[in-house]
Protein backbone atom coordinates (compact mmCIF):
# COMPACT_ATOMS: atom_id res chain seq x y z
CA MET A 1 -13.05 84.46 28.78
CA CYS A 2 -13.50 81.75 25.93
CA LYS A 3 -15.92 82.92 23.33
CA ILE A 4 -17.59 79.72 21.19
CA ARG A 5 -18.81 80.95 18.05
CA THR A 6 -20.84 79.04 15.99
CA LYS A 7 -22.68 79.07 12.78
CA SER A 8 -26.49 78.00 12.94
CA GLU A 9 -27.38 77.81 9.80
CA ILE A 10 -24.59 74.33 9.08
CA VAL A 11 -25.55 73.42 12.00
CA ASN A 12 -29.35 73.25 12.03
CA GLU A 13 -28.78 71.62 8.44
CA THR A 14 -26.42 69.10 9.65
CA VAL A 15 -28.94 68.34 11.74
CA GLN A 16 -31.85 68.00 9.30
CA LYS A 17 -30.46 65.97 7.00
CA CYS A 18 -29.12 63.31 9.96
CA VAL A 19 -32.76 62.92 11.73
CA LYS A 20 -35.33 60.82 9.89
CA PRO A 21 -38.89 63.15 9.07
CA LEU A 22 -41.60 61.82 11.51
CA ALA A 23 -43.96 59.30 10.59
CA GLU A 24 -47.53 60.88 10.86
CA PRO A 25 -49.53 60.45 13.63
CA LEU A 26 -52.06 57.16 13.11
CA PRO A 27 -55.96 58.73 12.43
CA SER A 28 -58.59 58.53 15.60
CA THR A 29 -60.54 55.21 15.16
CA LEU A 30 -62.96 56.77 18.23
CA SER A 31 -65.86 57.48 15.35
CA LYS A 32 -65.47 53.76 14.50
CA ASP A 33 -64.62 52.31 17.14
CA LEU A 34 -67.82 53.55 18.78
CA GLN A 35 -69.75 52.67 15.89
CA SER A 36 -68.62 49.44 16.18
CA LEU A 37 -70.66 49.55 20.10
CA VAL A 38 -73.62 50.11 18.10
CA ASP A 39 -73.91 47.30 15.67
CA SER A 40 -72.99 45.10 18.25
CA ASP A 41 -75.03 42.97 19.87
CA LYS A 42 -72.59 42.15 22.57
CA PHE A 43 -72.61 45.48 25.11
CA GLY A 44 -73.68 47.79 27.03
CA ASP A 45 -76.24 48.66 30.46
CA VAL A 46 -79.57 49.73 28.88
CA THR A 47 -81.88 47.98 26.26
CA ILE A 48 -84.04 49.71 24.29
CA LEU A 49 -86.76 47.25 22.34
CA ILE A 50 -88.09 49.16 18.90
CA ASP A 51 -91.28 46.78 17.39
CA GLY A 52 -89.00 44.02 18.36
CA HIS A 53 -85.73 45.17 18.07
CA ARG A 54 -83.44 45.32 19.84
CA PHE A 55 -80.93 48.40 21.24
CA LEU A 56 -77.58 48.17 23.70
CA ALA A 57 -76.80 51.15 24.76
CA TYR A 58 -74.77 52.70 27.35
CA LYS A 59 -77.50 55.10 30.05
CA GLY A 60 -73.80 57.78 30.90
CA ILE A 61 -73.52 58.72 26.11
CA LEU A 62 -76.27 58.28 25.99
CA SER A 63 -76.68 60.87 28.79
CA ALA A 64 -73.73 63.18 27.90
CA ARG A 65 -75.61 63.55 24.14
CA SER A 66 -78.50 63.98 25.57
CA VAL A 67 -80.39 66.27 28.35
CA VAL A 68 -84.00 64.01 27.74
CA PHE A 69 -81.17 60.34 28.37
CA ALA A 70 -80.28 61.70 31.36
CA ALA A 71 -83.33 62.20 33.14
CA MET A 72 -84.82 59.41 31.84
CA PHE A 73 -81.53 57.26 33.64
CA ASN A 74 -81.32 60.03 36.45
CA HIS A 75 -84.41 60.33 38.55
CA GLU A 76 -86.85 57.16 39.51
CA LEU A 77 -88.14 56.60 35.97
CA LEU A 78 -88.99 52.36 35.57
CA GLU A 79 -86.37 53.22 31.81
CA ASN A 80 -83.89 52.96 34.92
CA LEU A 81 -84.82 50.91 38.00
CA GLU A 82 -85.04 48.67 34.84
CA SER A 83 -82.14 48.95 32.84
CA CYS A 84 -85.13 48.57 29.07
CA ILE A 85 -86.65 50.99 27.61
CA THR A 86 -89.97 50.72 25.57
CA ILE A 87 -89.86 53.43 22.81
CA ARG A 88 -93.03 53.35 20.57
CA ASP A 89 -93.13 55.95 18.50
CA VAL A 90 -89.55 56.19 16.48
CA GLU A 91 -88.94 53.49 13.74
CA PRO A 92 -85.89 51.09 14.41
CA GLU A 93 -83.63 52.55 11.58
CA VAL A 94 -84.67 56.21 12.44
CA PHE A 95 -83.91 55.23 16.35
CA LYS A 96 -80.62 53.20 14.79
CA GLN A 97 -79.31 56.43 13.47
CA LEU A 98 -80.33 58.31 15.93
CA LEU A 99 -77.60 56.27 18.20
CA ARG A 100 -74.94 56.46 15.07
CA TYR A 101 -75.06 60.10 16.03
CA ILE A 102 -74.63 59.99 19.44
CA TYR A 103 -72.49 57.71 19.78
CA THR A 104 -70.11 58.90 16.15
CA ASP A 105 -71.15 62.47 15.10
CA GLU A 106 -72.36 60.81 12.29
CA VAL A 107 -75.37 59.75 10.17
CA ALA A 108 -75.28 57.79 7.27
CA SER A 109 -78.13 59.56 5.65
CA LEU A 110 -80.68 61.78 6.02
CA GLU A 111 -82.23 61.19 2.41
CA THR A 112 -85.04 59.12 3.48
CA ILE A 113 -84.84 60.39 6.72
CA ALA A 114 -84.40 62.92 7.38
CA GLN A 115 -87.55 64.16 8.00
CA LYS A 116 -88.53 61.38 10.85
CA LEU A 117 -85.04 61.65 12.42
CA TYR A 118 -85.35 65.07 12.66
CA THR A 119 -88.53 65.18 15.62
CA ALA A 120 -86.39 62.34 16.79
CA ALA A 121 -83.61 64.52 17.28
CA ASP A 122 -85.92 67.38 18.45
CA LYS A 123 -87.47 64.83 20.82
CA TYR A 124 -84.45 63.58 22.74
CA ALA A 125 -82.82 67.43 22.49
CA ILE A 126 -80.06 66.86 20.28
CA THR A 127 -79.93 70.31 19.26
CA THR A 128 -77.17 69.69 16.52
CA LEU A 129 -78.73 66.40 15.60
CA LYS A 130 -81.69 68.95 14.80
CA SER A 131 -80.32 71.90 13.22
CA LEU A 132 -77.55 68.96 10.90
CA CYS A 133 -81.02 66.91 9.79
CA ARG A 134 -83.07 70.79 9.65
CA ASN A 135 -80.16 72.44 6.49
CA HIS A 136 -80.33 68.86 5.30
CA ILE A 137 -85.16 69.53 5.18
CA LEU A 138 -83.66 73.10 3.87
CA GLU A 139 -82.02 72.25 1.12
CA LYS A 140 -83.35 69.65 -0.29
CA LEU A 141 -86.97 72.68 -0.67
CA ASN A 142 -89.20 72.68 -3.18
CA TRP A 143 -92.48 73.41 -4.08
CA GLU A 144 -93.34 69.67 -3.64
CA THR A 145 -91.32 69.95 -0.44
CA ALA A 146 -93.04 73.40 1.11
CA ALA A 147 -96.10 72.95 2.38
CA GLU A 148 -94.84 69.63 5.12
CA THR A 149 -91.65 71.31 5.49
CA LEU A 150 -94.35 74.48 7.15
CA MET A 151 -95.94 71.95 9.03
CA LEU A 152 -93.03 69.68 10.35
CA ALA A 153 -91.37 73.71 11.85
CA GLU A 154 -94.34 74.11 13.14
CA MET A 155 -94.93 70.85 14.79
CA HIS A 156 -91.86 71.51 16.32
CA SER A 157 -91.37 75.52 16.85
CA ASP A 158 -89.12 76.02 14.37
CA HIS A 159 -89.00 79.58 13.61
CA VAL A 160 -85.79 79.28 12.00
CA MET A 161 -87.44 76.23 9.65
CA LYS A 162 -90.37 78.57 9.25
CA GLU A 163 -89.35 81.73 8.20
CA GLN A 164 -87.18 79.79 4.84
CA ALA A 165 -90.85 77.62 4.07
CA LEU A 166 -92.16 80.35 4.32
CA GLU A 167 -90.12 82.41 1.99
CA PHE A 168 -90.26 79.72 -0.46
CA LEU A 169 -93.41 79.57 -1.14
CA SER A 170 -93.45 83.27 -0.93
CA GLY A 171 -91.64 83.71 -3.93
CA HIS A 172 -93.18 80.43 -5.80
CA GLU A 173 -96.70 81.30 -5.59
CA THR A 174 -99.28 79.88 -8.95
């Protein structure tokens, strides 16, 4: 019988000194790459028309993120047959941000469009975007915006927003 002994510390130290450290993997560019689809007017299988603005998108991506879009494209609705949707109740800039969120899970800025984007997110049942907008609206809640926030909560049956607005108003009586 033969016994072999090693001193693992010596072997490990030697190996660590001989092996170059691994380079960090490159960061993901998925979000940026999908954003380029939103910004491009070259690719898509559905056209969305809003006040003279044309947005190209992919039905599969829209459907994966919104049950409302999925219903449009899965049934024999006019939108599915013609591959063209006209939207009349969402402003182009708001829809662009909605589309950006659908594709990238990011929003450029909520400062000026939070309430309108909240409404669009509710219309298209994009709950994560609705929640993001709600949080932004509630973070900015003040005496001047409380009544409008309460009305928005009522219109969209948002009990969380309504409760926060009422709590704010009850603590700030004049």
